């Protein structure tokens, strides 16, 4: 079951309420895109994800959170980056192997040489998501190289257990990042 509350004018308080419902139900898909969710809402979602251990449905089920177009990373930016990192960690620990996360246009602004940015990108690469949307964020060429390197290291260690037949998501993402990097020497 899924729930879309995209572009509904929700604030962080609304996100906290929805996070409680996410914890108490079997929602597998939650779309909060285009609202006014901030770092506190992301922390509430992370707590809800952690609280649902074992309540994700059959093995191989997919969990999807869409947070695109929310000011998750505001002022001060390190608070938002820390909240996103907490959500990534919660999703990485979650039971489902098939996870998707939409973070397009959430205000991520860091280079590959920033310690929090590099750590977040490395965490993304290690977390075994089937899809992560980072469009319209300020990731520089160094960040793209760092993400590509982290993905390459992950792929070299072992093939993903959650891969769909015939689809190498890691290689496809690494190729896309490489193409981005090639456009901006």
C-alpha atoms as a PDB file:
ATOM      1  CA  UNK A   1       0.000   0.000   0.000  1.00  0.00           C
ATOM      2  CA  UNK A   2       1.220   3.492  -0.763  1.00  0.00           C
ATOM      3  CA  UNK A   3       0.309   7.024   0.230  1.00  0.00           C
ATOM      4  CA  UNK A   4       1.081  10.181  -1.729  1.00  0.00           C
ATOM      5  CA  UNK A   5       0.882  13.529   0.027  1.00  0.00           C
ATOM      6  CA  UNK A   6       2.993  15.287  -2.589  1.00  0.00           C
ATOM      7  CA  UNK A   7       2.533  19.049  -2.859  1.00  0.00           C
ATOM      8  CA  UNK A   8      -0.073  19.135  -0.060  1.00  0.00           C
ATOM      9  CA  UNK A   9       1.438  21.995   1.940  1.00  0.00           C
ATOM     10  CA  UNK A  10       2.655  19.781   4.801  1.00  0.00           C
ATOM     11  CA  UNK A  11       5.130  21.220   7.248  1.00  0.00           C
ATOM     12  CA  UNK A  12       7.515  19.343   9.487  1.00  0.00           C
ATOM     13  CA  UNK A  13       4.668  18.896  12.021  1.00  0.00           C
ATOM     14  CA  UNK A  14       2.570  17.154   9.362  1.00  0.00           C
ATOM     15  CA  UNK A  15       5.538  14.973   8.448  1.00  0.00           C
ATOM     16  CA  UNK A  16       5.962  13.945  12.092  1.00  0.00           C
ATOM     17  CA  UNK A  17       2.285  12.897  12.212  1.00  0.00           C
ATOM     18  CA  UNK A  18       2.648  10.965   8.950  1.00  0.00           C
ATOM     19  CA  UNK A  19       5.830   9.335  10.283  1.00  0.00           C
ATOM     20  CA  UNK A  20       3.822   7.995  13.235  1.00  0.00           C
ATOM     21  CA  UNK A  21       1.268   6.539  10.807  1.00  0.00           C
ATOM     22  CA  UNK A  22       4.108   5.078   8.719  1.00  0.00           C
ATOM     23  CA  UNK A  23       5.388   3.367  11.869  1.00  0.00           C
ATOM     24  CA  UNK A  24       1.993   1.940  12.805  1.00  0.00           C
ATOM     25  CA  UNK A  25       0.822   0.776   9.354  1.00  0.00           C
ATOM     26  CA  UNK A  26       2.131  -1.365   6.554  1.00  0.00           C
ATOM     27  CA  UNK A  27       2.651   1.494   4.107  1.00  0.00           C
ATOM     28  CA  UNK A  28       5.380   0.499   1.690  1.00  0.00           C
ATOM     29  CA  UNK A  29       5.442   3.761  -0.249  1.00  0.00           C
ATOM     30  CA  UNK A  30       5.268   7.289   1.095  1.00  0.00           C
ATOM     31  CA  UNK A  31       5.530  10.367  -1.120  1.00  0.00           C
ATOM     32  CA  UNK A  32       6.025  13.656   0.718  1.00  0.00           C
ATOM     33  CA  UNK A  33       7.519  15.514  -2.263  1.00  0.00           C
ATOM     34  CA  UNK A  34       7.020  19.239  -2.653  1.00  0.00           C
ATOM     35  CA  UNK A  35       6.084  20.104   0.905  1.00  0.00           C
ATOM     36  CA  UNK A  36       7.902  22.058   3.641  1.00  0.00           C
ATOM     37  CA  UNK A  37       9.512  19.106   5.423  1.00  0.00           C
ATOM     38  CA  UNK A  38      12.724  20.012   7.201  1.00  0.00           C
ATOM     39  CA  UNK A  39      15.407  18.154   9.160  1.00  0.00           C
ATOM     40  CA  UNK A  40      13.143  17.406  12.146  1.00  0.00           C
ATOM     41  CA  UNK A  41      10.669  15.651   9.846  1.00  0.00           C
ATOM     42  CA  UNK A  42      13.442  13.546   8.341  1.00  0.00           C
ATOM     43  CA  UNK A  43      14.591  12.519  11.833  1.00  0.00           C
ATOM     44  CA  UNK A  44      10.982  11.481  12.628  1.00  0.00           C
ATOM     45  CA  UNK A  45      10.877   9.386   9.450  1.00  0.00           C
ATOM     46  CA  UNK A  46      14.182   7.742  10.405  1.00  0.00           C
ATOM     47  CA  UNK A  47      12.732   6.831  13.815  1.00  0.00           C
ATOM     48  CA  UNK A  48       9.620   5.402  12.133  1.00  0.00           C
ATOM     49  CA  UNK A  49      11.756   3.307   9.769  1.00  0.00           C
ATOM     50  CA  UNK A  50      13.784   1.971  12.708  1.00  0.00           C
ATOM     51  CA  UNK A  51      10.619   1.214  14.670  1.00  0.00           C
ATOM     52  CA  UNK A  52       9.187  -0.961  11.880  1.00  0.00           C
ATOM     53  CA  UNK A  53      11.783  -3.717  12.079  1.00  0.00           C
ATOM     54  CA  UNK A  54      10.270  -6.904  10.745  1.00  0.00           C
ATOM     55  CA  UNK A  55       7.009  -5.241   9.671  1.00  0.00           C
ATOM     56  CA  UNK A  56       7.920  -4.678   6.048  1.00  0.00           C
ATOM     57  CA  UNK A  57       6.030  -7.442   4.343  1.00  0.00           C
ATOM     58  CA  UNK A  58       7.381 -10.389   2.385  1.00  0.00           C
ATOM     59  CA  UNK A  59      11.084 -10.708   1.560  1.00  0.00           C
ATOM     60  CA  UNK A  60      11.979  -8.804  -1.562  1.00  0.00           C
ATOM     61  CA  UNK A  61       9.281  -6.187  -1.012  1.00  0.00           C
ATOM     62  CA  UNK A  62      10.174  -2.641  -1.951  1.00  0.00           C
ATOM     63  CA  UNK A  63      10.047   0.381   0.338  1.00  0.00           C
ATOM     64  CA  UNK A  64      10.020   3.809  -1.228  1.00  0.00           C
ATOM     65  CA  UNK A  65      10.299   7.235   0.395  1.00  0.00           C
ATOM     66  CA  UNK A  66      10.014  10.321  -1.776  1.00  0.00           C
ATOM     67  CA  UNK A  67      11.187  13.554  -0.168  1.00  0.00           C
ATOM     68  CA  UNK A  68      12.003  15.528  -3.310  1.00  0.00           C
ATOM     69  CA  UNK A  69      11.549  19.294  -3.378  1.00  0.00           C
ATOM     70  CA  UNK A  70      11.548  19.756   0.395  1.00  0.00           C
ATOM     71  CA  UNK A  71      13.990  22.117   2.149  1.00  0.00           C
ATOM     72  CA  UNK A  72      15.587  19.230   4.053  1.00  0.00           C
ATOM     73  CA  UNK A  73      18.977  20.855   4.086  1.00  0.00           C
ATOM     74  CA  UNK A  74      18.388  24.404   5.218  1.00  0.00           C
ATOM     75  CA  UNK A  75      20.277  26.643   7.553  1.00  0.00           C
ATOM     76  CA  UNK A  76      22.485  25.469   9.144  1.00  0.00           C
ATOM     77  CA  UNK A  77      23.155  22.919   6.405  1.00  0.00           C
ATOM     78  CA  UNK A  78      25.010  20.425   8.626  1.00  0.00           C
ATOM     79  CA  UNK A  79      21.764  19.749  10.549  1.00  0.00           C
ATOM     80  CA  UNK A  80      19.967  18.750   7.362  1.00  0.00           C
ATOM     81  CA  UNK A  81      22.869  16.630   6.117  1.00  0.00           C
ATOM     82  CA  UNK A  82      22.971  14.864   9.500  1.00  0.00           C
ATOM     83  CA  UNK A  83      19.195  14.204   9.292  1.00  0.00           C
ATOM     84  CA  UNK A  84      19.521  12.764   5.779  1.00  0.00           C
ATOM     85  CA  UNK A  85      22.447  10.613   6.986  1.00  0.00           C
ATOM     86  CA  UNK A  86      20.278   9.350   9.863  1.00  0.00           C
ATOM     87  CA  UNK A  87      17.487   8.419   7.438  1.00  0.00           C
ATOM     88  CA  UNK A  88      19.978   6.628   5.171  1.00  0.00           C
ATOM     89  CA  UNK A  89      21.308   4.654   8.135  1.00  0.00           C
ATOM     90  CA  UNK A  90      17.785   3.702   9.202  1.00  0.00           C
ATOM     91  CA  UNK A  91      16.875   2.565   5.696  1.00  0.00           C
ATOM     92  CA  UNK A  92      20.139   0.616   5.391  1.00  0.00           C
ATOM     93  CA  UNK A  93      19.257  -1.282   8.582  1.00  0.00           C
ATOM     94  CA  UNK A  94      15.662  -1.920   7.487  1.00  0.00           C
ATOM     95  CA  UNK A  95      14.562  -5.417   6.552  1.00  0.00           C
ATOM     96  CA  UNK A  96      13.578  -4.902   2.901  1.00  0.00           C
ATOM     97  CA  UNK A  97      16.393  -5.294   0.479  1.00  0.00           C
ATOM     98  CA  UNK A  98      14.732  -3.183  -2.211  1.00  0.00           C
ATOM     99  CA  UNK A  99      14.751   0.449  -1.139  1.00  0.00           C
ATOM    100  CA  UNK A 100      14.247   3.637  -3.122  1.00  0.00           C
ATOM    101  CA  UNK A 101      14.787   7.164  -1.874  1.00  0.00           C
ATOM    102  CA  UNK A 102      13.886  10.404  -3.626  1.00  0.00           C
ATOM    103  CA  UNK A 103      16.112  13.308  -2.611  1.00  0.00           C
ATOM    104  CA  UNK A 104      15.823  15.484  -5.723  1.00  0.00           C
ATOM    105  CA  UNK A 105      16.079  19.224  -5.070  1.00  0.00           C
ATOM    106  CA  UNK A 106      16.362  18.971  -1.277  1.00  0.00           C
ATOM    107  CA  UNK A 107      19.210  21.451  -0.971  1.00  0.00           C
ATOM    108  CA  UNK A 108      22.222  19.163  -0.742  1.00  0.00           C
ATOM    109  CA  UNK A 109      25.199  21.431  -1.405  1.00  0.00           C
ATOM    110  CA  UNK A 110      28.587  19.939  -0.890  1.00  0.00           C
ATOM    111  CA  UNK A 111      31.690  18.963  -2.713  1.00  0.00           C
ATOM    112  CA  UNK A 112      33.507  15.682  -2.632  1.00  0.00           C
ATOM    113  CA  UNK A 113      36.180  17.336  -0.525  1.00  0.00           C
ATOM    114  CA  UNK A 114      33.786  18.125   2.361  1.00  0.00           C
ATOM    115  CA  UNK A 115      33.879  15.510   5.119  1.00  0.00           C
ATOM    116  CA  UNK A 116      30.082  15.390   5.712  1.00  0.00           C
ATOM    117  CA  UNK A 117      29.407  15.321   1.987  1.00  0.00           C
ATOM    118  CA  UNK A 118      31.901  12.541   1.339  1.00  0.00           C
ATOM    119  CA  UNK A 119      30.527  10.513   4.269  1.00  0.00           C
ATOM    120  CA  UNK A 120      26.946  10.922   3.013  1.00  0.00           C
ATOM    121  CA  UNK A 121      27.890   9.870  -0.523  1.00  0.00           C
ATOM    122  CA  UNK A 122      29.794   6.857   0.798  1.00  0.00           C
ATOM    123  CA  UNK A 123      26.813   5.907   2.932  1.00  0.00           C
ATOM    124  CA  UNK A 124      24.540   6.178  -0.110  1.00  0.00           C
ATOM    125  CA  UNK A 125      26.799   3.882  -2.099  1.00  0.00           C
ATOM    126  CA  UNK A 126      27.031   1.291   0.697  1.00  0.00           C
ATOM    127  CA  UNK A 127      23.316   1.229   1.510  1.00  0.00           C
ATOM    128  CA  UNK A 128      22.154  -1.014  -1.332  1.00  0.00           C
ATOM    129  CA  UNK A 129      19.348   1.141  -2.649  1.00  0.00           C
ATOM    130  CA  UNK A 130      17.771   0.096  -5.925  1.00  0.00           C
ATOM    131  CA  UNK A 131      17.186   3.756  -6.724  1.00  0.00           C
ATOM    132  CA  UNK A 132      18.301   7.085  -5.255  1.00  0.00           C
ATOM    133  CA  UNK A 133      17.291  10.342  -6.914  1.00  0.00           C
ATOM    134  CA  UNK A 134      19.784  13.163  -6.325  1.00  0.00           C
ATOM    135  CA  UNK A 135      18.726  15.409  -9.208  1.00  0.00           C
ATOM    136  CA  UNK A 136      18.833  19.171  -8.762  1.00  0.00           C
ATOM    137  CA  UNK A 137      21.218  19.212  -5.821  1.00  0.00           C
ATOM    138  CA  UNK A 138      24.588  20.977  -5.732  1.00  0.00           C
ATOM    139  CA  UNK A 139      27.015  18.066  -6.012  1.00  0.00           C
ATOM    140  CA  UNK A 140      30.248  19.151  -7.655  1.00  0.00           C
ATOM    141  CA  UNK A 141      32.572  17.084  -9.849  1.00  0.00           C
ATOM    142  CA  UNK A 142      34.612  15.980  -6.833  1.00  0.00           C
ATOM    143  CA  UNK A 143      31.406  14.685  -5.221  1.00  0.00           C
ATOM    144  CA  UNK A 144      30.520  12.806  -8.418  1.00  0.00           C
ATOM    145  CA  UNK A 145      33.985  11.210  -8.450  1.00  0.00           C
ATOM    146  CA  UNK A 146      33.667  10.284  -4.755  1.00  0.00           C
ATOM    147  CA  UNK A 147      30.268   8.683  -5.324  1.00  0.00           C
ATOM    148  CA  UNK A 148      31.525   6.809  -8.394  1.00  0.00           C
ATOM    149  CA  UNK A 149      34.546   5.545  -6.416  1.00  0.00           C
ATOM    150  CA  UNK A 150      32.333   4.388  -3.548  1.00  0.00           C
ATOM    151  CA  UNK A 151      30.019   2.589  -5.966  1.00  0.00           C
ATOM    152  CA  UNK A 152      32.971   0.967  -7.719  1.00  0.00           C
ATOM    153  CA  UNK A 153      34.371  -0.228  -4.405  1.00  0.00           C
ATOM    154  CA  UNK A 154      30.982  -1.665  -3.467  1.00  0.00           C
ATOM    155  CA  UNK A 155      30.604  -3.433  -6.798  1.00  0.00           C
ATOM    156  CA  UNK A 156      34.123  -4.868  -6.505  1.00  0.00           C
ATOM    157  CA  UNK A 157      33.350  -6.286  -3.047  1.00  0.00           C
ATOM    158  CA  UNK A 158      30.245  -8.216  -4.041  1.00  0.00           C
ATOM    159  CA  UNK A 159      27.320  -8.105  -6.425  1.00  0.00           C
ATOM    160  CA  UNK A 160      24.147  -6.702  -4.877  1.00  0.00           C
ATOM    161  CA  UNK A 161      21.875  -9.364  -3.411  1.00  0.00           C
ATOM    162  CA  UNK A 162      18.822  -7.329  -4.349  1.00  0.00           C
ATOM    163  CA  UNK A 163      19.629  -6.863  -8.021  1.00  0.00           C
ATOM    164  CA  UNK A 164      16.851  -7.334 -10.502  1.00  0.00           C
ATOM    165  CA  UNK A 165      17.637  -9.950 -13.168  1.00  0.00           C
ATOM    166  CA  UNK A 166      19.586  -8.454 -16.038  1.00  0.00           C
ATOM    167  CA  UNK A 167      19.973  -5.020 -14.396  1.00  0.00           C
ATOM    168  CA  UNK A 168      23.258  -3.857 -12.894  1.00  0.00           C
ATOM    169  CA  UNK A 169      22.078  -0.717 -11.079  1.00  0.00           C
ATOM    170  CA  UNK A 170      25.509   0.024  -9.596  1.00  0.00           C
ATOM    171  CA  UNK A 171      27.207  -0.060 -12.996  1.00  0.00           C
ATOM    172  CA  UNK A 172      24.471   2.062 -14.541  1.00  0.00           C
ATOM    173  CA  UNK A 173      24.734   4.698 -11.807  1.00  0.00           C
ATOM    174  CA  UNK A 174      28.519   4.690 -11.931  1.00  0.00           C
ATOM    175  CA  UNK A 175      28.390   5.131 -15.725  1.00  0.00           C
ATOM    176  CA  UNK A 176      25.943   8.024 -15.381  1.00  0.00           C
ATOM    177  CA  UNK A 177      28.176   9.725 -12.826  1.00  0.00           C
ATOM    178  CA  UNK A 178      31.189   9.091 -15.062  1.00  0.00           C
ATOM    179  CA  UNK A 179      29.367  10.719 -17.968  1.00  0.00           C
ATOM    180  CA  UNK A 180      28.582  13.726 -15.774  1.00  0.00           C
ATOM    181  CA  UNK A 181      32.203  13.907 -14.726  1.00  0.00           C
ATOM    182  CA  UNK A 182      33.358  13.709 -18.386  1.00  0.00           C
ATOM    183  CA  UNK A 183      31.150  16.655 -19.342  1.00  0.00           C
ATOM    184  CA  UNK A 184      32.887  18.898 -16.799  1.00  0.00           C
ATOM    185  CA  UNK A 185      36.622  18.210 -16.958  1.00  0.00           C
END
